[in-house]
Amino acid sequence: MSSQISMTHNEDSIPVLLVSTEAPLDVLHTSAASRFLVATQMMESLASLDISSAKGADLQQLAHAAAILLRDACDVMDVLGRQIQKLV
């Protein structure tokens, strides 16, 4: 396995967002957990909004940001899972 893998959400054909496959398990876990937490908080905020006063573009941007955070967290969790499998 390469020492780095590109994250799923890269805007260009040249990946600039990478996950270290050699990072300690606790660091990978903390990184993924923080992204899951922030995305969850964003979605909880959206759920409590009065949708009738919200602008569609704002909702779309918040949903897109949450999706990026969730995808990043899933990418980090994938590396974490691979690291754990190597230990078993």
PDB file of N, CA and C in Angstrom:
ATOM      1  N   MET A   1       0.839  -1.174   0.000  1.00  0.00           N
ATOM      2  CA  MET A   1       0.000   0.000   0.000  1.00  0.00           C
ATOM      3  C   MET A   1       0.888   1.242   0.000  1.00  0.00           C
ATOM      4  N   SER A   2       0.517   2.212  -0.775  1.00  0.00           N
ATOM      5  CA  SER A   2       1.252   3.468  -0.838  1.00  0.00           C
ATOM      6  C   SER A   2       1.193   4.177   0.512  1.00  0.00           C
ATOM      7  N   SER A   3       2.156   5.053   0.772  1.00  0.00           N
ATOM      8  CA  SER A   3       2.161   5.767   2.053  1.00  0.00           C
ATOM      9  C   SER A   3       1.070   6.831   2.121  1.00  0.00           C
ATOM     10  N   GLN A   4       0.446   7.137   0.980  1.00  0.00           N
ATOM     11  CA  GLN A   4      -0.649   8.104   0.939  1.00  0.00           C
ATOM     12  C   GLN A   4      -1.659   7.678  -0.120  1.00  0.00           C
ATOM     13  N   ILE A   5      -2.932   7.905   0.166  1.00  0.00           N
ATOM     14  CA  ILE A   5      -3.958   7.697  -0.851  1.00  0.00           C
ATOM     15  C   ILE A   5      -4.732   8.993  -1.007  1.00  0.00           C
ATOM     16  N   SER A   6      -5.207   9.228  -2.205  1.00  0.00           N
ATOM     17  CA  SER A   6      -5.940  10.472  -2.427  1.00  0.00           C
ATOM     18  C   SER A   6      -7.346  10.339  -1.870  1.00  0.00           C
ATOM     19  N   MET A   7      -7.846  11.448  -1.385  1.00  0.00           N
ATOM     20  CA  MET A   7      -9.210  11.483  -0.883  1.00  0.00           C
ATOM     21  C   MET A   7     -10.153  11.527  -2.074  1.00  0.00           C
ATOM     22  N   THR A   8     -11.360  11.067  -1.869  1.00  0.00           N
ATOM     23  CA  THR A   8     -12.333  10.973  -2.948  1.00  0.00           C
ATOM     24  C   THR A   8     -12.664  12.334  -3.539  1.00  0.00           C
ATOM     25  N   HIS A   9     -12.822  13.335  -2.673  1.00  0.00           N
ATOM     26  CA  HIS A   9     -13.253  14.649  -3.151  1.00  0.00           C
ATOM     27  C   HIS A   9     -12.033  15.511  -3.478  1.00  0.00           C
ATOM     28  N   ASN A  10     -11.546  15.392  -4.688  1.00  0.00           N
ATOM     29  CA  ASN A  10     -10.482  16.256  -5.210  1.00  0.00           C
ATOM     30  C   ASN A  10     -11.062  16.963  -6.419  1.00  0.00           C
ATOM     31  N   GLU A  11     -10.860  18.254  -6.486  1.00  0.00           N
ATOM     32  CA  GLU A  11     -11.465  19.065  -7.544  1.00  0.00           C
ATOM     33  C   GLU A  11     -10.779  18.909  -8.896  1.00  0.00           C
ATOM     34  N   ASP A  12      -9.598  18.317  -8.901  1.00  0.00           N
ATOM     35  CA  ASP A  12      -8.812  18.251 -10.131  1.00  0.00           C
ATOM     36  C   ASP A  12      -8.322  16.824 -10.344  1.00  0.00           C
ATOM     37  N   SER A  13      -7.722  16.591 -11.497  1.00  0.00           N
ATOM     38  CA  SER A  13      -7.195  15.259 -11.781  1.00  0.00           C
ATOM     39  C   SER A  13      -5.909  14.984 -10.999  1.00  0.00           C
ATOM     40  N   ILE A  14      -5.275  16.033 -10.491  1.00  0.00           N
ATOM     41  CA  ILE A  14      -4.082  15.870  -9.656  1.00  0.00           C
ATOM     42  C   ILE A  14      -4.527  15.945  -8.199  1.00  0.00           C
ATOM     43  N   PRO A  15      -4.487  14.839  -7.475  1.00  0.00           N
ATOM     44  CA  PRO A  15      -4.968  14.851  -6.089  1.00  0.00           C
ATOM     45  C   PRO A  15      -4.076  15.695  -5.186  1.00  0.00           C
ATOM     46  N   VAL A  16      -4.708  16.561  -4.426  1.00  0.00           N
ATOM     47  CA  VAL A  16      -3.962  17.381  -3.464  1.00  0.00           C
ATOM     48  C   VAL A  16      -4.367  17.051  -2.030  1.00  0.00           C
ATOM     49  N   LEU A  17      -5.522  16.412  -1.863  1.00  0.00           N
ATOM     50  CA  LEU A  17      -5.964  15.992  -0.539  1.00  0.00           C
ATOM     51  C   LEU A  17      -5.637  14.524  -0.375  1.00  0.00           C
ATOM     52  N   LEU A  18      -4.787  14.218   0.582  1.00  0.00           N
ATOM     53  CA  LEU A  18      -4.276  12.862   0.760  1.00  0.00           C
ATOM     54  C   LEU A  18      -4.444  12.414   2.201  1.00  0.00           C
ATOM     55  N   VAL A  19      -4.526  11.096   2.392  1.00  0.00           N
ATOM     56  CA  VAL A  19      -4.549  10.503   3.723  1.00  0.00           C
ATOM     57  C   VAL A  19      -3.287   9.667   3.864  1.00  0.00           C
ATOM     58  N   SER A  20      -2.590   9.851   4.961  1.00  0.00           N
ATOM     59  CA  SER A  20      -1.401   9.054   5.226  1.00  0.00           C
ATOM     60  C   SER A  20      -1.812   7.661   5.673  1.00  0.00           C
ATOM     61  N   THR A  21      -1.343   6.656   4.961  1.00  0.00           N
ATOM     62  CA  THR A  21      -1.635   5.278   5.341  1.00  0.00           C
ATOM     63  C   THR A  21      -0.726   4.817   6.478  1.00  0.00           C
ATOM     64  N   GLU A  22       0.206   5.675   6.866  1.00  0.00           N
ATOM     65  CA  GLU A  22       1.130   5.342   7.942  1.00  0.00           C
ATOM     66  C   GLU A  22       0.808   6.095   9.227  1.00  0.00           C
ATOM     67  N   ALA A  23      -0.269   6.864   9.221  1.00  0.00           N
ATOM     68  CA  ALA A  23      -0.652   7.612  10.417  1.00  0.00           C
ATOM     69  C   ALA A  23      -1.080   6.631  11.509  1.00  0.00           C
ATOM     70  N   PRO A  24      -0.820   6.976  12.765  1.00  0.00           N
ATOM     71  CA  PRO A  24      -1.264   6.111  13.868  1.00  0.00           C
ATOM     72  C   PRO A  24      -2.789   5.972  13.879  1.00  0.00           C
ATOM     73  N   LEU A  25      -3.268   4.834  14.357  1.00  0.00           N
ATOM     74  CA  LEU A  25      -4.698   4.556  14.372  1.00  0.00           C
ATOM     75  C   LEU A  25      -5.488   5.621  15.124  1.00  0.00           C
ATOM     76  N   ASP A  26      -4.961   6.093  16.253  1.00  0.00           N
ATOM     77  CA  ASP A  26      -5.697   7.084  17.024  1.00  0.00           C
ATOM     78  C   ASP A  26      -5.807   8.414  16.289  1.00  0.00           C
ATOM     79  N   VAL A  27      -4.805   8.743  15.495  1.00  0.00           N
ATOM     80  CA  VAL A  27      -4.832   9.985  14.718  1.00  0.00           C
ATOM     81  C   VAL A  27      -5.859   9.876  13.591  1.00  0.00           C
ATOM     82  N   LEU A  28      -5.886   8.729  12.919  1.00  0.00           N
ATOM     83  CA  LEU A  28      -6.887   8.498  11.875  1.00  0.00           C
ATOM     84  C   LEU A  28      -8.297   8.553  12.466  1.00  0.00           C
ATOM     85  N   HIS A  29      -8.480   7.906  13.613  1.00  0.00           N
ATOM     86  CA  HIS A  29      -9.788   7.897  14.263  1.00  0.00           C
ATOM     87  C   HIS A  29     -10.221   9.313  14.647  1.00  0.00           C
ATOM     88  N   THR A  30      -9.335  10.079  15.241  1.00  0.00           N
ATOM     89  CA  THR A  30      -9.660  11.451  15.650  1.00  0.00           C
ATOM     90  C   THR A  30     -10.032  12.306  14.451  1.00  0.00           C
ATOM     91  N   SER A  31      -9.314  12.149  13.365  1.00  0.00           N
ATOM     92  CA  SER A  31      -9.596  12.921  12.150  1.00  0.00           C
ATOM     93  C   SER A  31     -10.974  12.591  11.599  1.00  0.00           C
ATOM     94  N   ALA A  32     -11.284  11.311  11.495  1.00  0.00           N
ATOM     95  CA  ALA A  32     -12.596  10.909  10.983  1.00  0.00           C
ATOM     96  C   ALA A  32     -13.706  11.337  11.934  1.00  0.00           C
ATOM     97  N   ALA A  33     -13.503  11.119  13.225  1.00  0.00           N
ATOM     98  CA  ALA A  33     -14.533  11.452  14.215  1.00  0.00           C
ATOM     99  C   ALA A  33     -14.852  12.935  14.213  1.00  0.00           C
ATOM    100  N   SER A  34     -13.839  13.775  14.068  1.00  0.00           N
ATOM    101  CA  SER A  34     -14.100  15.222  14.075  1.00  0.00           C
ATOM    102  C   SER A  34     -14.920  15.630  12.861  1.00  0.00           C
ATOM    103  N   ARG A  35     -14.667  15.018  11.713  1.00  0.00           N
ATOM    104  CA  ARG A  35     -15.441  15.341  10.514  1.00  0.00           C
ATOM    105  C   ARG A  35     -16.878  14.830  10.627  1.00  0.00           C
ATOM    106  N   PHE A  36     -17.044  13.615  11.169  1.00  0.00           N
ATOM    107  CA  PHE A  36     -18.398  13.098  11.393  1.00  0.00           C
ATOM    108  C   PHE A  36     -19.168  14.003  12.356  1.00  0.00           C
ATOM    109  N   LEU A  37     -18.502  14.459  13.414  1.00  0.00           N
ATOM    110  CA  LEU A  37     -19.156  15.311  14.394  1.00  0.00           C
ATOM    111  C   LEU A  37     -19.603  16.637  13.780  1.00  0.00           C
ATOM    112  N   VAL A  38     -18.719  17.291  13.034  1.00  0.00           N
ATOM    113  CA  VAL A  38     -19.068  18.571  12.421  1.00  0.00           C
ATOM    114  C   VAL A  38     -20.201  18.396  11.414  1.00  0.00           C
ATOM    115  N   ALA A  39     -20.143  17.351  10.603  1.00  0.00           N
ATOM    116  CA  ALA A  39     -21.214  17.111   9.629  1.00  0.00           C
ATOM    117  C   ALA A  39     -22.537  16.836  10.345  1.00  0.00           C
ATOM    118  N   THR A  40     -22.481  16.096  11.436  1.00  0.00           N
ATOM    119  CA  THR A  40     -23.689  15.821  12.216  1.00  0.00           C
ATOM    120  C   THR A  40     -24.258  17.112  12.791  1.00  0.00           C
ATOM    121  N   GLN A  41     -23.402  17.970  13.313  1.00  0.00           N
ATOM    122  CA  GLN A  41     -23.860  19.245  13.868  1.00  0.00           C
ATOM    123  C   GLN A  41     -24.488  20.119  12.787  1.00  0.00           C
ATOM    124  N   MET A  42     -23.902  20.114  11.598  1.00  0.00           N
ATOM    125  CA  MET A  42     -24.481  20.885  10.495  1.00  0.00           C
ATOM    126  C   MET A  42     -25.860  20.358  10.140  1.00  0.00           C
ATOM    127  N   MET A  43     -25.990  19.043  10.052  1.00  0.00           N
ATOM    128  CA  MET A  43     -27.278  18.463   9.689  1.00  0.00           C
ATOM    129  C   MET A  43     -28.316  18.678  10.790  1.00  0.00           C
ATOM    130  N   GLU A  44     -27.900  18.641  12.053  1.00  0.00           N
ATOM    131  CA  GLU A  44     -28.828  18.925  13.143  1.00  0.00           C
ATOM    132  C   GLU A  44     -29.297  20.377  13.089  1.00  0.00           C
ATOM    133  N   SER A  45     -28.403  21.280  12.728  1.00  0.00           N
ATOM    134  CA  SER A  45     -28.783  22.683  12.569  1.00  0.00           C
ATOM    135  C   SER A  45     -29.792  22.841  11.441  1.00  0.00           C
ATOM    136  N   LEU A  46     -29.547  22.151  10.337  1.00  0.00           N
ATOM    137  CA  LEU A  46     -30.493  22.198   9.220  1.00  0.00           C
ATOM    138  C   LEU A  46     -31.859  21.642   9.625  1.00  0.00           C
ATOM    139  N   ALA A  47     -31.846  20.588  10.407  1.00  0.00           N
ATOM    140  CA  ALA A  47     -33.099  19.956  10.817  1.00  0.00           C
ATOM    141  C   ALA A  47     -33.936  20.866  11.713  1.00  0.00           C
ATOM    142  N   SER A  48     -33.280  21.770  12.425  1.00  0.00           N
ATOM    143  CA  SER A  48     -34.022  22.643  13.331  1.00  0.00           C
ATOM    144  C   SER A  48     -34.382  23.993  12.698  1.00  0.00           C
ATOM    145  N   LEU A  49     -33.975  24.198  11.451  1.00  0.00           N
ATOM    146  CA  LEU A  49     -34.282  25.459  10.762  1.00  0.00           C
ATOM    147  C   LEU A  49     -35.749  25.547  10.376  1.00  0.00           C
ATOM    148  N   ASP A  50     -36.223  26.769  10.310  1.00  0.00           N
ATOM    149  CA  ASP A  50     -37.534  27.020   9.719  1.00  0.00           C
ATOM    150  C   ASP A  50     -37.297  27.104   8.213  1.00  0.00           C
ATOM    151  N   ILE A  51     -37.581  26.027   7.524  1.00  0.00           N
ATOM    152  CA  ILE A  51     -37.275  25.910   6.097  1.00  0.00           C
ATOM    153  C   ILE A  51     -37.956  27.003   5.275  1.00  0.00           C
ATOM    154  N   SER A  52     -39.092  27.472   5.704  1.00  0.00           N
ATOM    155  CA  SER A  52     -39.815  28.478   4.925  1.00  0.00           C
ATOM    156  C   SER A  52     -39.045  29.791   4.817  1.00  0.00           C
ATOM    157  N   SER A  53     -38.156  30.059   5.773  1.00  0.00           N
ATOM    158  CA  SER A  53     -37.382  31.301   5.713  1.00  0.00           C
ATOM    159  C   SER A  53     -35.970  31.088   5.165  1.00  0.00           C
ATOM    160  N   ALA A  54     -35.616  29.848   4.853  1.00  0.00           N
ATOM    161  CA  ALA A  54     -34.278  29.553   4.359  1.00  0.00           C
ATOM    162  C   ALA A  54     -34.219  29.696   2.842  1.00  0.00           C
ATOM    163  N   LYS A  55     -33.062  30.128   2.371  1.00  0.00           N
ATOM    164  CA  LYS A  55     -32.838  30.234   0.930  1.00  0.00           C
ATOM    165  C   LYS A  55     -32.344  28.888   0.402  1.00  0.00           C
ATOM    166  N   GLY A  56     -32.863  28.502  -0.754  1.00  0.00           N
ATOM    167  CA  GLY A  56     -32.484  27.233  -1.362  1.00  0.00           C
ATOM    168  C   GLY A  56     -30.994  27.106  -1.588  1.00  0.00           C
ATOM    169  N   ALA A  57     -30.355  28.184  -2.046  1.00  0.00           N
ATOM    170  CA  ALA A  57     -28.913  28.148  -2.314  1.00  0.00           C
ATOM    171  C   ALA A  57     -28.130  27.925  -1.026  1.00  0.00           C
ATOM    172  N   ASP A  58     -28.579  28.542   0.072  1.00  0.00           N
ATOM    173  CA  ASP A  58     -27.897  28.354   1.353  1.00  0.00           C
ATOM    174  C   ASP A  58     -28.000  26.912   1.820  1.00  0.00           C
ATOM    175  N   LEU A  59     -29.187  26.346   1.694  1.00  0.00           N
ATOM    176  CA  LEU A  59     -29.374  24.947   2.082  1.00  0.00           C
ATOM    177  C   LEU A  59     -28.523  24.022   1.237  1.00  0.00           C
ATOM    178  N   GLN A  60     -28.445  24.317  -0.041  1.00  0.00           N
ATOM    179  CA  GLN A  60     -27.648  23.495  -0.947  1.00  0.00           C
ATOM    180  C   GLN A  60     -26.165  23.571  -0.574  1.00  0.00           C
ATOM    181  N   GLN A  61     -25.686  24.763  -0.247  1.00  0.00           N
ATOM    182  CA  GLN A  61     -24.277  24.909   0.131  1.00  0.00           C
ATOM    183  C   GLN A  61     -23.967  24.182   1.434  1.00  0.00           C
ATOM    184  N   LEU A  62     -24.871  24.261   2.416  1.00  0.00           N
ATOM    185  CA  LEU A  62     -24.666  23.550   3.676  1.00  0.00           C
ATOM    186  C   LEU A  62     -24.680  22.037   3.459  1.00  0.00           C
ATOM    187  N   ALA A  63     -25.587  21.573   2.649  1.00  0.00           N
ATOM    188  CA  ALA A  63     -25.656  20.140   2.363  1.00  0.00           C
ATOM    189  C   ALA A  63     -24.394  19.672   1.632  1.00  0.00           C
ATOM    190  N   HIS A  64     -23.909  20.483   0.706  1.00  0.00           N
ATOM    191  CA  HIS A  64     -22.692  20.140  -0.030  1.00  0.00           C
ATOM    192  C   HIS A  64     -21.489  20.085   0.922  1.00  0.00           C
ATOM    193  N   ALA A  65     -21.383  21.058   1.823  1.00  0.00           N
ATOM    194  CA  ALA A  65     -20.287  21.065   2.796  1.00  0.00           C
ATOM    195  C   ALA A  65     -20.348  19.830   3.692  1.00  0.00           C
ATOM    196  N   ALA A  66     -21.547  19.482   4.135  1.00  0.00           N
ATOM    197  CA  ALA A  66     -21.703  18.290   4.970  1.00  0.00           C
ATOM    198  C   ALA A  66     -21.310  17.033   4.197  1.00  0.00           C
ATOM    199  N   ALA A  67     -21.676  16.974   2.927  1.00  0.00           N
ATOM    200  CA  ALA A  67     -21.333  15.810   2.101  1.00  0.00           C
ATOM    201  C   ALA A  67     -19.823  15.672   1.950  1.00  0.00           C
ATOM    202  N   ILE A  68     -19.135  16.782   1.758  1.00  0.00           N
ATOM    203  CA  ILE A  68     -17.669  16.736   1.642  1.00  0.00           C
ATOM    204  C   ILE A  68     -17.055  16.235   2.943  1.00  0.00           C
ATOM    205  N   LEU A  69     -17.519  16.761   4.076  1.00  0.00           N
ATOM    206  CA  LEU A  69     -17.003  16.311   5.369  1.00  0.00           C
ATOM    207  C   LEU A  69     -17.254  14.820   5.582  1.00  0.00           C
ATOM    208  N   LEU A  70     -18.439  14.366   5.223  1.00  0.00           N
ATOM    209  CA  LEU A  70     -18.754  12.948   5.380  1.00  0.00           C
ATOM    210  C   LEU A  70     -17.897  12.073   4.470  1.00  0.00           C
ATOM    211  N   ARG A  71     -17.685  12.508   3.230  1.00  0.00           N
ATOM    212  CA  ARG A  71     -16.849  11.748   2.302  1.00  0.00           C
ATOM    213  C   ARG A  71     -15.413  11.689   2.816  1.00  0.00           C
ATOM    214  N   ASP A  72     -14.891  12.820   3.306  1.00  0.00           N
ATOM    215  CA  ASP A  72     -13.533  12.834   3.866  1.00  0.00           C
ATOM    216  C   ASP A  72     -13.425  11.859   5.040  1.00  0.00           C
ATOM    217  N   ALA A  73     -14.421  11.892   5.917  1.00  0.00           N
ATOM    218  CA  ALA A  73     -14.413  10.994   7.082  1.00  0.00           C
ATOM    219  C   ALA A  73     -14.460   9.539   6.636  1.00  0.00           C
ATOM    220  N   CYS A  74     -15.257   9.234   5.625  1.00  0.00           N
ATOM    221  CA  CYS A  74     -15.329   7.862   5.109  1.00  0.00           C
ATOM    222  C   CYS A  74     -13.994   7.427   4.507  1.00  0.00           C
ATOM    223  N   ASP A  75     -13.323   8.329   3.815  1.00  0.00           N
ATOM    224  CA  ASP A  75     -12.006   8.012   3.249  1.00  0.00           C
ATOM    225  C   ASP A  75     -11.001   7.692   4.360  1.00  0.00           C
ATOM    226  N   VAL A  76     -11.018   8.492   5.420  1.00  0.00           N
ATOM    227  CA  VAL A  76     -10.109   8.253   6.540  1.00  0.00           C
ATOM    228  C   VAL A  76     -10.470   6.935   7.233  1.00  0.00           C
ATOM    229  N   MET A  77     -11.765   6.666   7.385  1.00  0.00           N
ATOM    230  CA  MET A  77     -12.191   5.404   7.996  1.00  0.00           C
ATOM    231  C   MET A  77     -11.764   4.206   7.145  1.00  0.00           C
ATOM    232  N   ASP A  78     -11.740   4.372   5.837  1.00  0.00           N
ATOM    233  CA  ASP A  78     -11.277   3.301   4.952  1.00  0.00           C
ATOM    234  C   ASP A  78      -9.817   2.978   5.239  1.00  0.00           C
ATOM    235  N   VAL A  79      -8.990   4.003   5.376  1.00  0.00           N
ATOM    236  CA  VAL A  79      -7.576   3.786   5.699  1.00  0.00           C
ATOM    237  C   VAL A  79      -7.451   3.161   7.089  1.00  0.00           C
ATOM    238  N   LEU A  80      -8.240   3.643   8.026  1.00  0.00           N
ATOM    239  CA  LEU A  80      -8.220   3.076   9.381  1.00  0.00           C
ATOM    240  C   LEU A  80      -8.579   1.591   9.348  1.00  0.00           C
ATOM    241  N   GLY A  81      -9.603   1.243   8.593  1.00  0.00           N
ATOM    242  CA  GLY A  81      -9.989  -0.163   8.472  1.00  0.00           C
ATOM    243  C   GLY A  81      -8.898  -1.017   7.869  1.00  0.00           C
ATOM    244  N   ARG A  82      -8.233  -0.494   6.863  1.00  0.00           N
ATOM    245  CA  ARG A  82      -7.131  -1.247   6.244  1.00  0.00           C
ATOM    246  C   ARG A  82      -5.986  -1.462   7.229  1.00  0.00           C
ATOM    247  N   GLN A  83      -5.699  -0.413   8.008  1.00  0.00           N
ATOM    248  CA  GLN A  83      -4.628  -0.526   9.018  1.00  0.00           C
ATOM    249  C   GLN A  83      -4.981  -1.586  10.067  1.00  0.00           C
ATOM    250  N   ILE A  84      -6.238  -1.586  10.510  1.00  0.00           N
ATOM    251  CA  ILE A  84      -6.672  -2.568  11.492  1.00  0.00           C
ATOM    252  C   ILE A  84      -6.605  -3.979  10.916  1.00  0.00           C
ATOM    253  N   GLN A  85      -7.013  -4.158   9.655  1.00  0.00           N
ATOM    254  CA  GLN A  85      -6.953  -5.477   9.015  1.00  0.00           C
ATOM    255  C   GLN A  85      -5.529  -6.014   8.955  1.00  0.00           C
ATOM    256  N   LYS A  86      -4.556  -5.126   8.773  1.00  0.00           N
ATOM    257  CA  LYS A  86      -3.172  -5.564   8.725  1.00  0.00           C
ATOM    258  C   LYS A  86      -2.709  -6.091  10.087  1.00  0.00           C
ATOM    259  N   LEU A  87      -3.337  -5.611  11.161  1.00  0.00           N
ATOM    260  CA  LEU A  87      -2.959  -6.035  12.506  1.00  0.00           C
ATOM    261  C   LEU A  87      -3.561  -7.384  12.893  1.00  0.00           C
ATOM    262  N   VAL A  88      -4.642  -7.768  12.204  1.00  0.00           N
ATOM    263  CA  VAL A  88      -5.362  -8.989  12.567  1.00  0.00           C
ATOM    264  C   VAL A  88      -4.720 -10.196  11.949  1.00  0.00           C
TER     265      VAL A  88
END
